[in-house]
Protein backbone atom coordinates (compact mmCIF):
# COMPACT_ATOMS: atom_id res chain seq x y z
CA UNK A 1 -12.86 1.10 -3.54
CA UNK A 2 -10.15 0.98 -6.11
CA UNK A 3 -9.39 -1.95 -8.37
CA UNK A 4 -5.98 -2.96 -9.65
CA UNK A 5 -5.37 -4.37 -13.11
CA UNK A 6 -1.87 -4.88 -14.47
CA UNK A 7 -0.37 -6.82 -17.35
CA UNK A 8 1.63 -9.05 -14.99
CA UNK A 9 -1.36 -9.89 -12.76
CA UNK A 10 -3.72 -12.70 -13.75
CA UNK A 11 -7.01 -11.15 -12.59
CA UNK A 12 -8.78 -8.13 -11.13
CA UNK A 13 -7.60 -7.16 -7.63
CA UNK A 14 -9.58 -5.00 -5.16
CA UNK A 15 -8.15 -2.72 -2.47
CA UNK A 16 -8.74 -4.13 1.00
CA UNK A 17 -6.48 -1.92 3.12
CA UNK A 18 -3.39 0.18 3.28
CA UNK A 19 -0.83 0.68 6.00
CA UNK A 20 2.33 2.68 6.46
CA UNK A 21 5.78 2.24 7.94
CA UNK A 22 7.80 5.22 9.20
CA UNK A 23 10.61 5.97 11.59
CA UNK A 24 11.74 8.63 14.02
CA UNK A 25 14.04 10.37 11.54
CA UNK A 26 14.02 11.11 7.82
CA UNK A 27 16.85 8.67 7.07
CA UNK A 28 14.97 5.56 8.16
CA UNK A 29 11.43 4.32 8.40
CA UNK A 30 10.62 2.39 5.24
CA UNK A 31 10.19 -1.34 5.67
CA UNK A 32 12.18 -2.04 2.50
CA UNK A 33 15.17 -0.45 0.79
CA UNK A 34 15.95 0.31 -2.84
CA UNK A 35 19.57 -0.14 -3.87
CA UNK A 36 20.44 -0.10 -0.17
CA UNK A 37 18.67 3.22 0.46
CA UNK A 38 16.01 3.63 3.16
CA UNK A 39 13.24 6.21 2.86
CA UNK A 40 11.48 8.23 5.56
CA UNK A 41 8.30 6.20 5.05
CA UNK A 42 6.66 3.54 2.93
CA UNK A 43 3.00 2.93 2.27
CA UNK A 44 1.54 -0.43 1.19
CA UNK A 45 -1.74 -0.67 -0.70
CA UNK A 46 -2.99 -4.25 -0.27
CA UNK A 47 -5.28 -5.77 -2.91
CA UNK A 48 -7.00 -9.18 -3.04
CA UNK A 49 -7.70 -11.28 -6.12
CA UNK A 50 -11.45 -11.09 -6.83
CA UNK A 51 -11.45 -14.45 -8.61
CA UNK A 52 -11.55 -15.97 -5.11
CA UNK A 53 -14.79 -14.11 -4.22
CA UNK A 54 -13.67 -13.08 -0.70
CA UNK A 55 -10.53 -11.71 0.92
CA UNK A 56 -10.43 -14.60 3.42
CA UNK A 57 -10.43 -17.10 0.57
CA UNK A 58 -7.91 -15.09 -1.49
CA UNK A 59 -5.26 -15.10 1.24
CA UNK A 60 -5.09 -18.89 1.09
CA UNK A 61 -3.78 -18.77 -2.52
CA UNK A 62 -0.32 -17.84 -3.77
CA UNK A 63 -1.82 -15.32 -6.22
CA UNK A 64 -4.41 -14.10 -3.73
CA UNK A 65 -2.77 -10.79 -2.82
CA UNK A 66 -0.97 -8.00 -4.63
CA UNK A 67 0.77 -5.23 -2.71
CA UNK A 68 1.77 -1.89 -4.20
CA UNK A 69 4.50 -0.28 -2.11
CA UNK A 70 5.33 3.40 -2.44
CA UNK A 71 8.42 4.96 -0.90
CA UNK A 72 7.74 8.39 0.56
CA UNK A 73 10.21 11.22 0.96
CA UNK A 74 10.00 14.59 2.59
CA UNK A 75 9.05 17.47 0.35
CA UNK A 76 6.39 20.01 -0.32
CA UNK A 77 2.83 19.52 0.88
CA UNK A 78 0.95 16.96 -1.22
CA UNK A 79 -2.85 17.36 -0.99
CA UNK A 80 -3.37 13.85 -2.38
CA UNK A 81 -1.78 12.44 0.78
CA UNK A 82 -3.65 14.73 3.21
CA UNK A 83 -6.53 12.26 3.57
CA UNK A 84 -4.17 9.36 4.26
CA UNK A 85 -2.16 11.29 6.83
CA UNK A 86 -5.40 12.18 8.64
CA UNK A 87 -6.39 8.48 8.64
CA UNK A 88 -3.00 7.47 10.02
CA UNK A 89 -3.38 10.08 12.76
CA UNK A 90 -6.86 8.73 13.60
CA UNK A 91 -5.54 5.15 13.71
CA UNK A 92 -2.70 6.17 16.04
CA UNK A 93 -5.04 8.09 18.34
CA UNK A 94 -7.69 5.35 18.51
CA UNK A 95 -5.25 2.41 18.30
CA UNK A 96 -7.68 0.76 15.87
CA UNK A 97 -8.16 0.39 12.12
CA UNK A 98 -10.15 3.21 10.55
CA UNK A 99 -12.50 2.89 7.56
CA UNK A 100 -11.38 4.04 4.12
CA UNK A 101 -13.66 6.28 2.07
CA UNK A 102 -15.06 4.60 -1.02
CA UNK A 103 -14.14 7.75 -2.96
CA UNK A 104 -10.42 7.42 -2.24
CA UNK A 105 -8.50 7.74 -5.51
CA UNK A 106 -5.19 5.99 -4.92
CA UNK A 107 -4.07 6.59 -8.49
CA UNK A 108 -3.10 10.10 -7.35
CA UNK A 109 -0.83 8.59 -4.70
CA UNK A 110 1.05 6.08 -6.82
CA UNK A 111 3.83 7.76 -8.78
CA UNK A 112 4.12 7.00 -12.46
CA UNK A 113 7.47 6.07 -13.87
CA UNK A 114 9.98 3.54 -12.69
CA UNK A 115 8.61 0.58 -10.79
CA UNK A 116 9.73 -2.87 -9.74
CA UNK A 117 7.84 -6.12 -9.35
CA UNK A 118 8.62 -9.02 -7.08
CA UNK A 119 6.78 -12.25 -6.56
CA UNK A 120 6.67 -13.36 -2.96
CA UNK A 121 4.53 -15.27 -0.58
CA UNK A 122 2.82 -14.29 2.68
CA UNK A 123 5.67 -15.51 4.82
CA UNK A 124 7.93 -13.01 3.00
CA UNK A 125 5.72 -10.05 3.94
């Protein structure tokens, strides 16, 4: 699985899961907005702070989780998202979580450039 290290995070975080939000049309679907704008979809990569040894322990601490959210928009085919879209389809069809490949490279799915950070707590999510 992927690890997350960033200058504003205190420790090493490990990917535990990802999930997506989408809507019936291309003008809505994302859980959040940016400058009042909704996006067709949004994906959240959820990481847990490895200093706490387990995910279950990490979620009891204010710095236990880090979430990377990516707004998605319609455009040309992106092969880096093909695996994720197949997993989402499997999850919808089985109505259950599906395992993530340990070879998943999420760095290809997180755009470089402008980003925003926000500190929140679990009740905000």
